[in-house]
Amino acid sequence: MNSKKKISVSKGVEKADLVFKNAGIINVFTEEIIISDLALCRDTIVGIGQYEGIIEVDCTGKFISPGFIDAHVHIESSMVTPLELAKAVIVSGTTTLIADPHELVNVAGKKGLNYILNATENIPLNVFVMLPSSVPATVYETNGAGEFSAMDMIEYLEHPRVLGLGEVMCFSDVIRGNPQILDKIFLCRNKICDGHSPELSGKSLQAYAAAGIETDHECTGFDEVLEKARAGFKILIREGSAAKNLEAIITGLLEHNLPLDRFLFCTDDKHLEDIHREGHIRWNIKKAIELGLDPIKAIKMGTLNAAQAYGLKRLGAIAPGYRGDLVILSELRSMTVEAVYKDGRPMDQRIDESVEYGPIDPELINSVHIKDLDPASLNIPVKEKNPVIGIIPFQINTDYLIEALPQKEGLFVPNAIYAKLCVIERHRNTGNVGVAAIKGFSLKNGAVATTVAHDSHNIIAVGQNDADILLAMKHLKKIQGGYVIVSKGKILGDLPLTLAGIMSLESGETVQKKLAVLIALARELGVPTWVDPFITLSFMALPVIPRLRLTDLGLFDVNAFTFVD
């Protein structure tokens, strides 16, 4: 747009296209509320003061915040297309996502990355992308794409929406000086390099920071936050569907009165049902306020802090020259969203559904390839004491338990306390199967299974008997990926995820309804409320989050970084 036009409107010579009258404008630079008019010229804020507009909106008694920013999210975890996710998050004030598409890239490589870039081009959200650094997350699992190397990344570096390197999950490789990951960090040395270092401490943490890693979103307690903050990391406070770290971190920040400029909010992985019930980054801000954080400081963490951390110019604040991404709040402490404007346009109108993605590569649709399994491959020989994966309430970290297991003729027999966990390779027809005992799902009968299994996205199933587990796996092959619940030889419900086995091409409303039914079924089978039946299950295969995990190659001790005998 012509700068002369903006200047003319700013000076009051011409009317603004849109003016919010008598608003409580939240200034995140000075951390104050200014009662004034706010003028926009098309998609840009041009003035704060007294203005007249072609369209005027009375905001007396209301507040205007910058649009909220999710500093780290996997779009694929919503299980819907980017457009459908946009519909879900923008109504609660999120206008910007910083996405790491390592889920799709693990399944389909460049084809997955290209899909995300194309599908986010024209939707009513600002979507920036981090290049997946850890594909696969480790060499101790089998993904679909093989390695996404530094050479593969080069062609994407100049893309205007690529900000840097996605979460470096293989922190042990960084510390050991593995050349493959160091090449990626060096390639992105002039951009942002995101971290992922749960429980990393001491000199290992110092080495991780020295290598060039700048952020972390895996902190679960304040002691970990403090050590990482002292080492220079920007801390992304995560509140998603399964991992809920906000209360412990905010409480610690308030008790110790730490400066907040390097703290920001993210969801990481959040289901549509939770987004519709709670909101998105709005929920993080609201919860922080309820814990005692000043509302303006909380809003700043969800806006300006994220924009500055990732170098997003003209986003995250309300000031002349900034984008017209705005949230109208009728009440500040409750974060009650009345309206959302994206680039100066009200989002109460129906979001344009004519966005063209172009053809979807057939390889993204047909991605489940498994052999018929020998039931004996699910057997677990029992010793006097056995390794058991222990679920921790509301966390994706696990415990490494050593316990006696129920058995018959030397083989593990699941019960209401201990279930059987299985991971089956589904990309290359290898027939690889990993099996283990898990404590915390509390299934009374049946099986829960999915092709969403971070980050290699093989089939993962938890069940009380082999017959239901095998039936669930066969059904996932039939529907080419998704969620399924089985009990007593019957399919109780499913949610097909035909795009790479991890995303649906149906509407968000349809996905949400089907997911709600499945979660209710899982609860009926005994899964407790402190376990998300699908998200928690999906993280049991990720061998870069402590402590004990299961891949298609076997049971893995993350701290020792080796398989369990």
Protein backbone atom coordinates (compact mmCIF):
# COMPACT_ATOMS: atom_id res chain seq x y z
CA MET A 1 0.00 0.00 0.00
CA ASN A 2 1.13 3.54 -0.75
CA SER A 3 3.09 4.96 2.20
CA LYS A 4 1.78 8.44 1.42
CA LYS A 5 -1.74 7.20 2.11
CA LYS A 6 -0.69 5.78 5.49
CA ILE A 7 1.07 9.01 6.42
CA SER A 8 -1.91 11.07 5.39
CA VAL A 9 -4.24 9.00 7.57
CA SER A 10 -1.75 9.04 10.47
CA LYS A 11 -1.68 12.85 10.34
CA GLY A 12 -5.47 13.01 10.33
CA VAL A 13 -5.65 14.52 6.86
CA GLU A 14 -7.70 11.60 5.54
CA LYS A 15 -10.16 9.35 7.31
CA ALA A 16 -8.92 5.95 8.41
CA ASP A 17 -10.50 2.84 6.92
CA LEU A 18 -11.27 1.57 10.43
CA VAL A 19 -11.19 3.27 13.83
CA PHE A 20 -11.76 1.67 17.21
CA LYS A 21 -13.13 4.45 19.41
CA ASN A 22 -12.36 4.95 23.11
CA ALA A 23 -10.57 1.62 23.47
CA GLY A 24 -8.35 0.43 26.29
CA ILE A 25 -5.29 -0.18 24.12
CA ILE A 26 -2.83 -2.61 25.68
CA ASN A 27 0.65 -1.22 25.09
CA VAL A 28 3.03 -4.15 25.53
CA PHE A 29 6.08 -1.92 25.11
CA THR A 30 5.36 0.18 28.19
CA GLU A 31 3.07 -2.35 29.90
CA GLU A 32 0.19 0.09 30.30
CA ILE A 33 -3.35 0.58 29.07
CA ILE A 34 -4.00 3.73 27.03
CA ILE A 35 -7.57 4.93 26.55
CA SER A 36 -7.68 6.27 23.01
CA ASP A 37 -8.78 5.70 19.43
CA LEU A 38 -6.93 3.22 17.25
CA ALA A 39 -6.76 3.90 13.51
CA LEU A 40 -6.07 1.43 10.70
CA CYS A 41 -5.40 1.97 7.03
CA ARG A 42 -6.28 -1.30 5.33
CA ASP A 43 -4.14 -3.97 7.04
CA THR A 44 -1.87 -1.63 9.01
CA ILE A 45 -2.14 0.30 12.27
CA VAL A 46 -1.42 3.95 11.51
CA GLY A 47 -2.24 5.87 14.66
CA ILE A 48 -3.21 6.04 18.32
CA GLY A 49 -4.98 9.27 19.31
CA GLN A 50 -8.11 11.04 18.10
CA TYR A 51 -9.18 9.76 14.68
CA GLU A 52 -12.18 9.57 12.39
CA GLY A 53 -12.86 6.52 10.28
CA ILE A 54 -14.97 5.37 7.39
CA ILE A 55 -15.95 2.55 9.74
CA GLU A 56 -15.98 3.25 13.46
CA VAL A 57 -16.34 0.66 16.22
CA ASP A 58 -17.25 1.80 19.73
CA CYS A 59 -14.90 0.09 22.19
CA THR A 60 -15.84 2.00 25.33
CA GLY A 61 -15.09 -0.21 28.32
CA LYS A 62 -13.29 -2.76 26.15
CA PHE A 63 -9.64 -3.63 25.63
CA ILE A 64 -7.60 -4.24 22.50
CA SER A 65 -4.68 -6.66 22.57
CA PRO A 66 -2.22 -7.61 19.85
CA GLY A 67 -3.08 -10.91 18.18
CA PHE A 68 -1.70 -13.88 20.11
CA ILE A 69 1.31 -15.89 18.94
CA ASP A 70 1.88 -19.62 19.45
CA ALA A 71 5.67 -19.84 19.54
CA HIS A 72 5.89 -23.58 18.90
CA VAL A 73 3.20 -25.79 17.42
CA HIS A 74 2.88 -28.90 15.33
CA ILE A 75 -0.07 -28.20 13.02
CA GLU A 76 -0.37 -31.92 12.40
CA SER A 77 -1.33 -32.53 16.03
CA SER A 78 -4.64 -30.79 15.39
CA MET A 79 -5.27 -33.61 12.88
CA VAL A 80 -6.86 -31.19 10.41
CA THR A 81 -5.66 -29.10 7.48
CA PRO A 82 -4.11 -25.71 8.21
CA LEU A 83 -7.28 -23.96 7.04
CA GLU A 84 -9.42 -25.95 9.46
CA LEU A 85 -6.97 -25.20 12.27
CA ALA A 86 -7.14 -21.51 11.39
CA LYS A 87 -10.90 -21.58 11.86
CA ALA A 88 -10.45 -23.10 15.30
CA VAL A 89 -7.72 -20.88 16.73
CA ILE A 90 -8.45 -17.46 15.31
CA VAL A 91 -11.79 -17.10 17.10
CA SER A 92 -9.94 -17.14 20.43
CA GLY A 93 -7.37 -14.59 19.30
CA THR A 94 -4.42 -16.53 17.89
CA THR A 95 -3.27 -14.82 14.70
CA THR A 96 0.26 -16.22 14.32
CA LEU A 97 1.71 -19.73 14.48
CA ILE A 98 5.36 -20.78 14.45
CA ALA A 99 5.10 -24.31 13.14
CA ASP A 100 7.53 -27.20 13.09
CA PRO A 101 6.17 -29.70 10.53
CA HIS A 102 8.43 -32.56 11.57
CA GLU A 103 5.47 -34.93 11.80
CA LEU A 104 4.68 -34.76 8.09
CA VAL A 105 8.34 -34.60 7.15
CA ASN A 106 9.06 -37.78 9.11
CA VAL A 107 6.39 -39.57 7.08
CA ALA A 108 6.93 -38.00 3.65
CA GLY A 109 10.07 -35.84 3.58
CA LYS A 110 10.04 -32.82 1.28
CA LYS A 111 6.56 -33.66 0.05
CA GLY A 112 5.27 -33.18 3.58
CA LEU A 113 7.12 -29.89 4.03
CA ASN A 114 5.92 -28.59 0.66
CA TYR A 115 2.34 -29.42 1.61
CA ILE A 116 2.58 -27.37 4.81
CA LEU A 117 4.15 -24.39 3.05
CA ASN A 118 1.56 -24.45 0.27
CA ALA A 119 -1.42 -25.08 2.54
CA THR A 120 -0.54 -22.16 4.83
CA GLU A 121 0.09 -19.63 2.07
CA ASN A 122 -3.33 -17.97 1.86
CA ILE A 123 -5.14 -18.84 5.08
CA PRO A 124 -6.17 -16.13 7.59
CA LEU A 125 -3.23 -16.80 9.91
CA ASN A 126 0.41 -15.81 9.85
CA VAL A 127 2.16 -19.18 9.67
CA PHE A 128 5.94 -19.29 9.92
CA VAL A 129 7.88 -22.52 9.59
CA MET A 130 10.91 -24.02 11.28
CA LEU A 131 12.86 -26.58 9.24
CA PRO A 132 12.64 -29.98 10.93
CA SER A 133 16.04 -30.78 12.41
CA SER A 134 15.55 -34.28 13.71
CA VAL A 135 14.15 -36.47 10.96
CA PRO A 136 14.22 -39.14 12.18
CA ALA A 137 14.39 -38.15 15.84
CA THR A 138 16.95 -40.94 16.42
CA VAL A 139 18.45 -43.88 14.58
CA TYR A 140 16.64 -46.18 17.01
CA GLU A 141 13.36 -46.15 15.08
CA THR A 142 12.06 -46.43 11.51
CA ASN A 143 10.34 -43.49 9.84
CA GLY A 144 8.94 -43.13 6.34
CA ALA A 145 11.17 -40.44 4.89
CA GLY A 146 14.62 -41.46 6.03
CA GLU A 147 16.89 -38.53 6.86
CA PHE A 148 16.00 -34.90 6.14
CA SER A 149 19.56 -33.61 5.80
CA ALA A 150 21.26 -30.23 5.78
CA MET A 151 21.52 -30.54 2.00
CA ASP A 152 17.76 -31.07 1.81
CA MET A 153 17.22 -27.85 3.78
CA ILE A 154 19.23 -25.52 1.57
CA GLU A 155 16.47 -24.86 -0.97
CA TYR A 156 14.12 -23.67 1.79
CA LEU A 157 16.43 -21.24 3.59
CA GLU A 158 15.40 -18.19 1.58
CA HIS A 159 11.68 -18.88 1.83
CA PRO A 160 10.17 -15.73 3.40
CA ARG A 161 8.27 -17.70 6.03
CA VAL A 162 11.09 -20.02 7.08
CA LEU A 163 12.55 -18.71 10.35
CA GLY A 164 15.22 -21.26 11.16
CA LEU A 165 15.87 -24.74 12.53
CA GLY A 166 13.14 -26.68 14.28
CA GLU A 167 13.50 -28.25 17.70
CA VAL A 168 16.81 -30.11 17.92
CA MET A 169 15.52 -33.22 19.64
CA CYS A 170 18.62 -35.34 19.38
CA PHE A 171 20.38 -33.36 22.11
CA SER A 172 22.72 -36.26 22.81
CA ASP A 173 23.98 -36.06 19.22
CA VAL A 174 24.68 -32.35 19.68
CA ILE A 175 26.63 -33.00 22.86
CA ARG A 176 28.61 -35.79 21.20
CA GLY A 177 29.44 -33.54 18.25
CA ASN A 178 27.58 -35.57 15.63
CA PRO A 179 28.48 -33.90 12.31
CA GLN A 180 25.03 -34.38 10.74
CA ILE A 181 23.22 -32.29 13.34
CA LEU A 182 26.07 -29.78 13.66
CA ASP A 183 25.87 -29.20 9.90
CA LYS A 184 22.19 -28.26 10.28
CA ILE A 185 22.88 -25.90 13.16
CA PHE A 186 25.69 -24.26 11.17
CA LEU A 187 23.44 -23.93 8.12
CA CYS A 188 20.89 -22.00 10.22
CA ARG A 189 23.48 -20.05 12.23
CA ASN A 190 22.01 -16.71 11.11
CA LYS A 191 18.47 -17.80 11.92
CA ILE A 192 16.76 -19.17 15.04
CA CYS A 193 17.67 -22.66 16.28
CA ASP A 194 14.96 -24.16 18.47
CA GLY A 195 15.78 -26.59 21.25
CA HIS A 196 14.26 -29.64 22.89
CA SER A 197 16.20 -30.75 25.93
CA PRO A 198 14.05 -32.32 28.65
CA GLU A 199 15.93 -32.70 31.95
CA LEU A 200 19.24 -31.72 30.33
CA SER A 201 21.50 -30.17 32.95
CA GLY A 202 25.04 -29.29 33.97
CA LYS A 203 27.82 -29.24 31.42
CA SER A 204 25.70 -31.11 28.90
CA LEU A 205 23.25 -28.20 28.92
CA GLN A 206 26.14 -25.75 28.60
CA ALA A 207 27.42 -27.66 25.57
CA TYR A 208 23.94 -27.69 24.01
CA ALA A 209 23.73 -23.91 24.37
CA ALA A 210 27.28 -23.40 23.12
CA ALA A 211 26.38 -25.30 19.94
CA GLY A 212 23.90 -22.55 19.05
CA ILE A 213 20.56 -23.71 20.45
CA GLU A 214 18.44 -20.78 21.65
CA THR A 215 15.09 -22.00 23.01
CA ASP A 216 13.49 -24.79 25.01
CA HIS A 217 9.86 -25.81 25.49
CA GLU A 218 10.34 -29.03 27.49
CA CYS A 219 10.69 -27.61 31.02
CA THR A 220 8.36 -29.27 33.51
CA GLY A 221 9.50 -27.59 36.75
CA PHE A 222 10.99 -24.31 37.90
CA ASP A 223 14.46 -25.63 38.79
CA GLU A 224 14.88 -26.71 35.17
CA VAL A 225 13.57 -23.34 33.98
CA LEU A 226 16.03 -21.44 36.15
CA GLU A 227 19.06 -23.38 34.97
CA LYS A 228 18.10 -23.00 31.32
CA ALA A 229 17.26 -19.31 31.70
CA ARG A 230 20.66 -18.73 33.30
CA ALA A 231 22.24 -20.48 30.31
CA GLY A 232 20.58 -17.97 27.98
CA PHE A 233 17.69 -20.01 26.66
CA LYS A 234 14.39 -18.40 25.81
CA ILE A 235 11.77 -20.48 27.62
CA LEU A 236 8.56 -21.44 25.83
CA ILE A 237 5.95 -22.26 28.47
CA ARG A 238 3.92 -25.17 27.15
CA GLU A 239 0.27 -25.90 27.84
CA GLY A 240 -1.12 -28.46 25.42
CA SER A 241 -3.46 -31.42 25.57
CA ALA A 242 -1.09 -33.88 27.22
CA ALA A 243 1.84 -31.77 28.46
CA LYS A 244 0.72 -29.14 30.96
CA ASN A 245 3.70 -27.27 32.36
CA LEU A 246 2.34 -23.76 32.81
CA GLU A 247 1.27 -23.84 36.46
CA ALA A 248 4.61 -25.06 37.81
CA ILE A 249 6.58 -22.57 35.74
CA ILE A 250 4.42 -19.48 36.30
CA THR A 251 4.24 -20.20 40.03
CA GLY A 252 8.04 -20.38 40.15
CA LEU A 253 8.45 -17.18 38.13
CA LEU A 254 6.16 -15.32 40.52
CA GLU A 255 7.88 -16.68 43.63
CA HIS A 256 11.35 -15.77 42.36
CA ASN A 257 10.36 -12.52 40.61
CA LEU A 258 12.35 -13.29 37.45
CA PRO A 259 12.31 -10.90 34.48
CA LEU A 260 9.78 -12.15 31.95
CA ASP A 261 11.08 -10.78 28.64
CA ARG A 262 12.52 -14.14 27.57
CA PHE A 263 9.45 -16.21 28.45
CA LEU A 264 6.74 -16.93 25.89
CA PHE A 265 3.81 -19.29 25.39
CA CYS A 266 3.27 -22.31 23.18
CA THR A 267 0.90 -25.26 22.85
CA ASP A 268 3.21 -27.74 21.07
CA ASP A 269 0.44 -30.32 20.60
CA LYS A 270 -3.22 -29.50 21.22
CA HIS A 271 -6.32 -31.31 20.03
CA LEU A 272 -9.24 -29.52 18.42
CA GLU A 273 -11.58 -30.52 21.23
CA ASP A 274 -9.35 -28.78 23.77
CA ILE A 275 -8.96 -25.73 21.52
CA HIS A 276 -12.74 -25.38 21.20
CA ARG A 277 -13.31 -25.89 24.93
CA GLU A 278 -10.47 -23.73 26.29
CA GLY A 279 -9.20 -21.57 23.48
CA HIS A 280 -5.63 -21.57 22.24
CA ILE A 281 -2.89 -19.18 23.47
CA ARG A 282 -5.71 -17.25 25.13
CA TRP A 283 -5.94 -20.19 27.54
CA ASN A 284 -2.25 -19.93 28.45
CA ILE A 285 -2.64 -16.22 29.13
CA LYS A 286 -5.85 -16.67 31.13
CA LYS A 287 -4.35 -19.43 33.25
CA ALA A 288 -1.24 -17.36 33.96
CA ILE A 289 -3.46 -14.47 35.11
CA GLU A 290 -5.43 -16.81 37.38
CA LEU A 291 -2.15 -17.91 38.95
CA GLY A 292 -1.38 -14.30 39.84
CA LEU A 293 0.51 -12.89 36.86
CA ASP A 294 -0.29 -9.30 35.91
CA PRO A 295 -2.65 -9.41 32.88
CA ILE A 296 -0.57 -7.06 30.74
CA LYS A 297 2.61 -9.03 31.45
CA ALA A 298 0.79 -12.25 30.56
CA ILE A 299 -0.46 -10.75 27.30
CA LYS A 300 3.05 -9.52 26.53
CA MET A 301 4.37 -13.08 26.91
CA GLY A 302 1.78 -14.24 24.38
CA THR A 303 2.51 -11.47 21.89
CA LEU A 304 5.59 -9.22 21.87
CA ASN A 305 7.93 -11.68 23.62
CA ALA A 306 7.27 -14.30 20.95
CA ALA A 307 7.57 -11.81 18.10
CA GLN A 308 10.90 -10.51 19.37
CA ALA A 309 12.27 -13.98 20.09
CA TYR A 310 11.66 -15.04 16.49
CA GLY A 311 12.41 -11.75 14.76
CA LEU A 312 8.85 -11.15 13.56
CA LYS A 313 8.81 -7.52 12.50
CA ARG A 314 5.59 -5.57 12.77
CA LEU A 315 3.87 -8.29 14.79
CA GLY A 316 3.12 -8.70 18.48
CA ALA A 317 2.28 -5.10 19.42
CA ILE A 318 -0.13 -2.24 18.81
CA ALA A 319 1.76 0.70 17.33
CA PRO A 320 1.93 2.64 14.05
CA GLY A 321 3.31 0.49 11.24
CA TYR A 322 2.32 -2.79 12.91
CA ARG A 323 -0.02 -5.32 11.33
CA GLY A 324 -3.70 -4.98 12.16
CA ASP A 325 -3.87 -8.30 14.01
CA LEU A 326 -6.04 -7.42 16.99
CA VAL A 327 -8.12 -9.04 19.71
CA ILE A 328 -11.06 -7.18 21.27
CA LEU A 329 -11.55 -8.20 24.90
CA SER A 330 -14.71 -7.38 26.83
CA GLU A 331 -13.03 -8.33 30.12
CA LEU A 332 -9.32 -8.41 30.80
CA ARG A 333 -8.74 -10.86 33.64
CA SER A 334 -11.03 -13.51 32.15
CA MET A 335 -9.60 -12.90 28.66
CA THR A 336 -13.11 -12.84 27.20
CA VAL A 337 -12.66 -12.50 23.44
CA GLU A 338 -15.40 -10.46 21.79
CA ALA A 339 -13.92 -10.09 18.31
CA VAL A 340 -10.75 -10.77 16.34
CA TYR A 341 -9.32 -8.77 13.46
CA LYS A 342 -6.73 -10.20 11.07
CA ASP A 343 -4.98 -7.63 8.88
CA GLY A 344 -7.72 -5.20 9.76
CA ARG A 345 -10.53 -7.56 8.71
CA PRO A 346 -13.08 -8.87 11.22
CA MET A 347 -12.93 -12.61 11.60
CA ASP A 348 -16.56 -12.91 12.64
CA GLN A 349 -17.26 -13.37 8.95
CA ARG A 350 -17.14 -16.89 7.51
CA ILE A 351 -13.55 -17.72 6.70
CA ASP A 352 -13.01 -18.09 2.98
CA GLU A 353 -13.04 -21.79 2.14
CA SER A 354 -11.95 -21.33 -1.47
CA VAL A 355 -8.27 -21.53 -0.55
CA GLU A 356 -6.57 -23.69 -3.15
CA TYR A 357 -3.83 -26.01 -1.94
CA GLY A 358 -3.16 -27.61 -5.30
CA PRO A 359 -3.16 -31.38 -5.73
CA ILE A 360 -2.10 -33.49 -2.74
CA ASP A 361 0.66 -35.95 -3.54
CA PRO A 362 -0.73 -39.53 -3.64
CA GLU A 363 2.11 -40.67 -1.36
CA LEU A 364 0.62 -38.50 1.37
CA ILE A 365 -2.67 -40.37 1.07
CA ASN A 366 -1.45 -43.98 0.85
CA SER A 367 1.01 -44.27 3.71
CA VAL A 368 0.13 -47.37 5.76
CA HIS A 369 2.02 -50.48 4.66
CA ILE A 370 2.11 -53.38 7.12
CA LYS A 371 2.43 -57.13 6.90
CA ASP A 372 0.05 -59.56 8.55
CA LEU A 373 1.54 -60.12 11.97
CA ASP A 374 2.30 -63.40 13.67
CA PRO A 375 0.46 -63.21 17.02
CA ALA A 376 3.58 -64.62 18.66
CA SER A 377 5.41 -61.39 17.78
CA LEU A 378 3.38 -59.68 20.53
CA ASN A 379 4.59 -62.04 23.27
CA ILE A 380 6.53 -60.57 26.20
CA PRO A 381 8.58 -63.09 28.23
CA VAL A 382 8.36 -62.32 31.95
CA LYS A 383 11.21 -62.32 34.47
CA GLU A 384 11.06 -61.88 38.24
CA LYS A 385 11.43 -58.10 37.76
CA ASN A 386 10.64 -56.35 34.48
CA PRO A 387 11.01 -52.90 32.90
CA VAL A 388 7.67 -51.08 32.74
CA ILE A 389 6.79 -47.72 31.18
CA GLY A 390 5.07 -45.63 33.85
CA ILE A 391 2.75 -42.82 32.79
CA ILE A 392 3.04 -39.56 34.75
CA PRO A 393 -0.26 -37.64 35.11
CA PHE A 394 -0.59 -34.67 32.74
CA GLN A 395 2.96 -35.15 31.43
CA ILE A 396 4.56 -36.82 28.43
CA ASN A 397 7.69 -37.75 30.38
CA THR A 398 7.50 -41.31 31.73
CA ASP A 399 8.89 -43.26 34.66
CA TYR A 400 11.24 -46.23 34.28
CA LEU A 401 9.64 -48.79 36.59
CA ILE A 402 10.99 -52.20 37.58
CA GLU A 403 8.10 -54.40 38.68
CA ALA A 404 6.74 -57.92 38.84
CA LEU A 405 4.20 -58.54 36.07
CA PRO A 406 1.17 -60.82 35.84
CA GLN A 407 2.04 -63.86 33.73
CA LYS A 408 0.89 -67.20 32.47
CA GLU A 409 3.35 -69.85 31.34
CA GLY A 410 6.14 -67.28 31.40
CA LEU A 411 4.39 -64.70 29.19
CA PHE A 412 2.99 -61.33 30.23
CA VAL A 413 -0.80 -61.24 30.66
CA PRO A 414 -2.27 -57.70 30.85
CA ASN A 415 -4.68 -56.67 33.59
CA ALA A 416 -6.33 -53.44 34.79
CA ILE A 417 -2.98 -52.19 36.13
CA TYR A 418 -0.60 -53.27 33.38
CA ALA A 419 -1.44 -53.07 29.67
CA LYS A 420 0.49 -54.22 26.63
CA LEU A 421 2.07 -51.55 24.42
CA CYS A 422 3.00 -52.37 20.81
CA VAL A 423 4.71 -50.39 18.05
CA ILE A 424 4.52 -51.75 14.49
CA GLU A 425 6.52 -50.23 11.64
CA ARG A 426 4.06 -49.05 8.98
CA HIS A 427 6.05 -47.26 6.29
CA ARG A 428 8.28 -49.87 4.66
CA ASN A 429 6.62 -53.21 5.34
CA THR A 430 9.56 -54.38 7.45
CA GLY A 431 7.49 -56.32 9.96
CA ASN A 432 9.34 -54.67 12.87
CA VAL A 433 7.43 -54.97 16.14
CA GLY A 434 8.30 -53.55 19.57
CA VAL A 435 6.41 -54.69 22.67
CA ALA A 436 6.46 -53.62 26.33
CA ALA A 437 4.37 -53.40 29.48
CA ILE A 438 2.89 -50.02 30.42
CA LYS A 439 1.28 -48.80 33.64
CA GLY A 440 -1.26 -45.99 33.83
CA PHE A 441 -3.74 -46.56 31.00
CA SER A 442 -5.94 -48.68 33.30
CA LEU A 443 -7.78 -50.39 30.45
CA LYS A 444 -10.39 -52.87 31.62
CA ASN A 445 -10.60 -54.48 28.17
CA GLY A 446 -10.08 -53.77 24.49
CA ALA A 447 -7.41 -51.77 22.68
CA VAL A 448 -6.68 -48.20 21.60
CA ALA A 449 -4.50 -47.74 18.50
CA THR A 450 -3.30 -45.01 16.16
CA THR A 451 -0.87 -44.21 13.35
CA VAL A 452 0.00 -40.97 15.16
CA ALA A 453 3.11 -41.98 17.09
CA HIS A 454 5.74 -39.30 17.51
CA ASP A 455 7.85 -38.76 15.64
CA SER A 456 8.21 -41.62 13.17
CA HIS A 457 4.46 -42.25 13.19
CA ASN A 458 4.36 -45.99 13.14
CA ILE A 459 1.31 -47.80 14.48
CA ILE A 460 1.13 -47.73 18.26
CA ALA A 461 -1.44 -49.69 20.24
CA VAL A 462 -2.21 -50.26 23.90
CA GLY A 463 -4.47 -53.12 24.86
CA GLN A 464 -5.63 -55.80 27.23
CA ASN A 465 -5.47 -58.70 24.79
CA ASP A 466 -3.63 -59.57 21.60
CA ALA A 467 -6.74 -60.28 19.53
CA ASP A 468 -8.10 -56.75 19.95
CA ILE A 469 -4.65 -55.24 19.36
CA LEU A 470 -4.26 -57.17 16.09
CA LEU A 471 -7.78 -56.23 14.97
CA ALA A 472 -7.04 -52.56 15.65
CA MET A 473 -3.87 -52.74 13.55
CA LYS A 474 -5.69 -54.35 10.63
CA HIS A 475 -8.38 -51.69 10.78
CA LEU A 476 -5.80 -48.90 10.66
CA LYS A 477 -4.40 -50.45 7.50
CA LYS A 478 -7.90 -50.59 6.02
CA ILE A 479 -8.66 -46.91 6.68
CA GLN A 480 -5.06 -45.85 5.82
CA GLY A 481 -4.34 -44.40 9.20
CA GLY A 482 -6.09 -42.71 12.08
CA TYR A 483 -7.50 -43.58 15.49
CA VAL A 484 -9.43 -46.71 16.41
CA ILE A 485 -10.91 -48.27 19.53
CA VAL A 486 -11.66 -51.99 19.69
CA SER A 487 -13.27 -54.12 22.38
CA LYS A 488 -14.16 -57.81 22.47
CA GLY A 489 -13.53 -58.30 18.78
CA LYS A 490 -15.58 -55.30 17.61
CA ILE A 491 -14.63 -51.91 16.19
CA LEU A 492 -16.29 -49.43 18.56
CA GLY A 493 -15.24 -46.32 16.67
CA ASP A 494 -12.63 -44.77 14.43
CA LEU A 495 -11.33 -41.48 13.07
CA PRO A 496 -9.67 -41.86 9.65
CA LEU A 497 -6.57 -39.69 9.16
CA THR A 498 -5.90 -40.27 5.49
CA LEU A 499 -3.30 -37.53 4.99
CA ALA A 500 -0.04 -39.32 5.87
CA GLY A 501 -1.92 -41.25 8.54
CA ILE A 502 -1.81 -38.22 10.84
CA MET A 503 -4.24 -35.63 9.42
CA SER A 504 -7.84 -35.59 8.26
CA LEU A 505 -9.20 -33.96 5.12
CA GLU A 506 -12.61 -33.57 6.77
CA SER A 507 -13.89 -30.43 8.45
CA GLY A 508 -12.72 -29.51 11.90
CA GLU A 509 -16.28 -29.88 13.17
CA THR A 510 -16.48 -33.46 11.88
CA VAL A 511 -13.09 -34.37 13.34
CA GLN A 512 -13.98 -32.83 16.69
CA LYS A 513 -17.24 -34.78 16.93
CA LYS A 514 -15.58 -38.09 16.04
CA LEU A 515 -12.73 -37.46 18.45
CA ALA A 516 -15.12 -36.64 21.29
CA VAL A 517 -16.88 -39.98 20.73
CA LEU A 518 -13.56 -41.84 20.77
CA ILE A 519 -12.37 -40.16 23.95
CA ALA A 520 -15.65 -41.02 25.65
CA LEU A 521 -15.25 -44.64 24.53
CA ALA A 522 -11.71 -44.70 25.92
CA ARG A 523 -12.99 -43.43 29.27
CA GLU A 524 -15.61 -46.20 29.29
CA LEU A 525 -12.81 -48.72 28.80
CA GLY A 526 -11.06 -47.33 31.87
CA VAL A 527 -8.57 -44.71 30.61
CA PRO A 528 -8.35 -42.14 33.47
CA THR A 529 -9.05 -38.44 33.01
CA TRP A 530 -5.41 -37.52 33.66
CA VAL A 531 -4.36 -39.46 30.54
CA ASP A 532 -5.24 -38.19 27.07
CA PRO A 533 -5.99 -41.55 25.44
CA PHE A 534 -4.48 -40.63 22.08
CA ILE A 535 -1.95 -37.84 22.64
CA THR A 536 -0.39 -39.57 25.63
CA LEU A 537 -0.29 -42.82 23.67
CA SER A 538 1.29 -41.08 20.67
CA PHE A 539 4.27 -39.91 22.75
CA MET A 540 5.11 -43.33 24.14
CA ALA A 541 7.16 -43.99 20.98
CA LEU A 542 9.34 -40.85 21.09
CA PRO A 543 12.86 -41.82 22.19
CA VAL A 544 14.06 -38.30 22.97
CA ILE A 545 11.80 -37.61 25.95
CA PRO A 546 12.75 -39.31 29.23
CA ARG A 547 12.59 -41.82 30.49
CA LEU A 548 11.42 -45.09 28.93
CA ARG A 549 10.01 -45.37 25.38
CA LEU A 550 9.06 -48.03 22.87
CA THR A 551 9.96 -47.94 19.17
CA ASP A 552 9.48 -50.52 16.43
CA LEU A 553 13.01 -51.71 17.26
CA GLY A 554 12.48 -52.24 20.99
CA LEU A 555 12.27 -50.75 24.48
CA PHE A 556 14.52 -47.70 24.83
CA ASP A 557 16.11 -46.03 27.88
CA VAL A 558 16.32 -42.36 26.90
CA ASN A 559 18.67 -41.31 29.71
CA ALA A 560 21.17 -44.08 28.91
CA PHE A 561 20.36 -43.67 25.20
CA THR A 562 20.36 -47.39 24.58
CA PHE A 563 17.92 -50.26 24.25
CA VAL A 564 16.83 -52.14 27.36
CA ASP A 565 17.87 -55.79 27.37
